[in-house]
Amino acid sequence: MHNSPSNPTGAVYTPDEIRAIGAVLEKHGILALSDEIYEHLIYGDIQFLSLAAVSPALKQQVVTVNGCSKSFSMTGWRIGWARGLTKSSKPH
């Protein structure tokens, strides 16, 4: 499970750190769940990078979960989604 930005600390992996994690996942064929619910709640100069965006091959190894209850202050609303590709899926 990958969580960046994370709750409760607010820690955010840098794009270089995410690329390094992605390289290990890709090299070893590891599947990952990437929780990106806090992607819009970043303060300072750091930039958000989705784990699935590191490389085209990694898109088949990452399931991304996200939603709008956090970034749009919709506390109590549980609107979310998950996305991922299977080996037979073709990106659009």
Protein backbone atom coordinates (compact mmCIF):
# COMPACT_ATOMS: atom_id res chain seq x y z
CA MET A 1 0.00 0.00 0.00
CA HIS A 2 1.34 3.39 -1.01
CA ASN A 3 -0.13 6.48 0.63
CA SER A 4 1.15 9.92 -0.38
CA PRO A 5 0.27 12.43 0.89
CA SER A 6 -0.40 10.39 3.97
CA ASN A 7 -2.70 10.74 6.90
CA PRO A 8 -2.19 11.55 9.77
CA THR A 9 1.33 12.93 9.31
CA GLY A 10 0.83 14.77 6.03
CA ALA A 11 4.12 13.34 4.75
CA VAL A 12 4.52 13.53 0.98
CA TYR A 13 6.96 11.47 -1.05
CA THR A 14 8.95 13.56 -3.52
CA PRO A 15 8.62 12.75 -7.23
CA ASP A 16 12.15 11.25 -7.14
CA GLU A 17 11.19 8.98 -4.21
CA ILE A 18 8.03 7.87 -6.02
CA ARG A 19 10.03 7.11 -9.17
CA ALA A 20 12.45 5.01 -7.08
CA ILE A 21 9.56 3.08 -5.48
CA GLY A 22 8.03 2.61 -8.92
CA ALA A 23 11.29 1.25 -10.32
CA VAL A 24 11.44 -1.41 -7.60
CA LEU A 25 7.78 -2.37 -8.13
CA GLU A 26 8.25 -2.59 -11.89
CA LYS A 27 11.51 -4.56 -11.68
CA HIS A 28 10.05 -7.19 -9.36
CA GLY A 29 6.51 -7.29 -10.78
CA ILE A 30 4.97 -6.22 -7.46
CA LEU A 31 1.34 -5.13 -7.43
CA ALA A 32 0.55 -2.00 -5.43
CA LEU A 33 -2.48 -0.21 -4.07
CA SER A 34 -1.94 3.56 -4.20
CA ASP A 35 -4.18 5.65 -1.91
CA GLU A 36 -4.21 9.15 -3.42
CA ILE A 37 -7.23 10.59 -1.57
CA TYR A 38 -5.16 13.53 -0.26
CA GLU A 39 -3.50 14.45 -3.58
CA HIS A 40 -4.92 18.00 -3.56
CA LEU A 41 -4.02 18.70 0.08
CA ILE A 42 -0.34 19.50 -0.36
CA TYR A 43 1.28 22.60 1.06
CA GLY A 44 4.64 24.04 0.13
CA ASP A 45 6.71 23.50 -2.98
CA ILE A 46 6.47 19.72 -3.32
CA GLN A 47 4.63 18.36 -6.36
CA PHE A 48 2.25 15.40 -6.34
CA LEU A 49 3.09 12.46 -8.61
CA SER A 50 0.79 9.48 -9.00
CA LEU A 51 2.55 6.15 -8.61
CA ALA A 52 0.79 4.84 -11.73
CA ALA A 53 2.22 7.74 -13.77
CA VAL A 54 5.84 6.72 -13.24
CA SER A 55 5.96 4.52 -16.35
CA PRO A 56 3.55 2.96 -18.86
CA ALA A 57 4.43 -0.56 -17.67
CA LEU A 58 3.73 0.29 -14.03
CA LYS A 59 0.13 1.22 -14.86
CA GLN A 60 -0.63 -2.51 -15.02
CA GLN A 61 0.77 -3.06 -11.53
CA VAL A 62 -0.98 -0.25 -9.65
CA VAL A 63 -4.56 0.09 -8.51
CA THR A 64 -5.23 3.72 -7.58
CA VAL A 65 -7.96 4.65 -5.11
CA ASN A 66 -9.19 8.21 -4.75
CA GLY A 67 -12.27 10.24 -4.00
CA CYS A 68 -13.57 13.74 -3.48
CA SER A 69 -14.65 13.78 0.17
CA LYS A 70 -11.27 15.07 1.40
CA SER A 71 -10.20 17.53 -1.30
CA PHE A 72 -13.64 19.12 -1.61
CA SER A 73 -14.39 19.16 2.16
CA MET A 74 -17.32 16.80 1.72
CA THR A 75 -16.96 15.19 5.14
CA GLY A 76 -19.46 12.40 5.50
CA TRP A 77 -19.83 11.91 1.75
CA ARG A 78 -18.17 8.69 0.69
CA ILE A 79 -17.69 9.25 -3.01
CA GLY A 80 -14.67 7.43 -4.33
CA TRP A 81 -13.28 5.33 -7.10
CA ALA A 82 -10.57 2.88 -7.97
CA ARG A 83 -8.82 2.47 -11.28
CA GLY A 84 -6.34 0.03 -12.69
CA LEU A 85 -5.48 -1.87 -15.84
CA THR A 86 -5.42 -5.57 -16.40
CA LYS A 87 -2.85 -7.10 -18.69
CA SER A 88 -5.51 -7.32 -21.38
CA SER A 89 -6.65 -3.71 -20.92
CA LYS A 90 -5.70 -1.11 -23.45
CA PRO A 91 -5.14 2.46 -22.22
CA HIS A 92 -7.54 5.02 -23.68
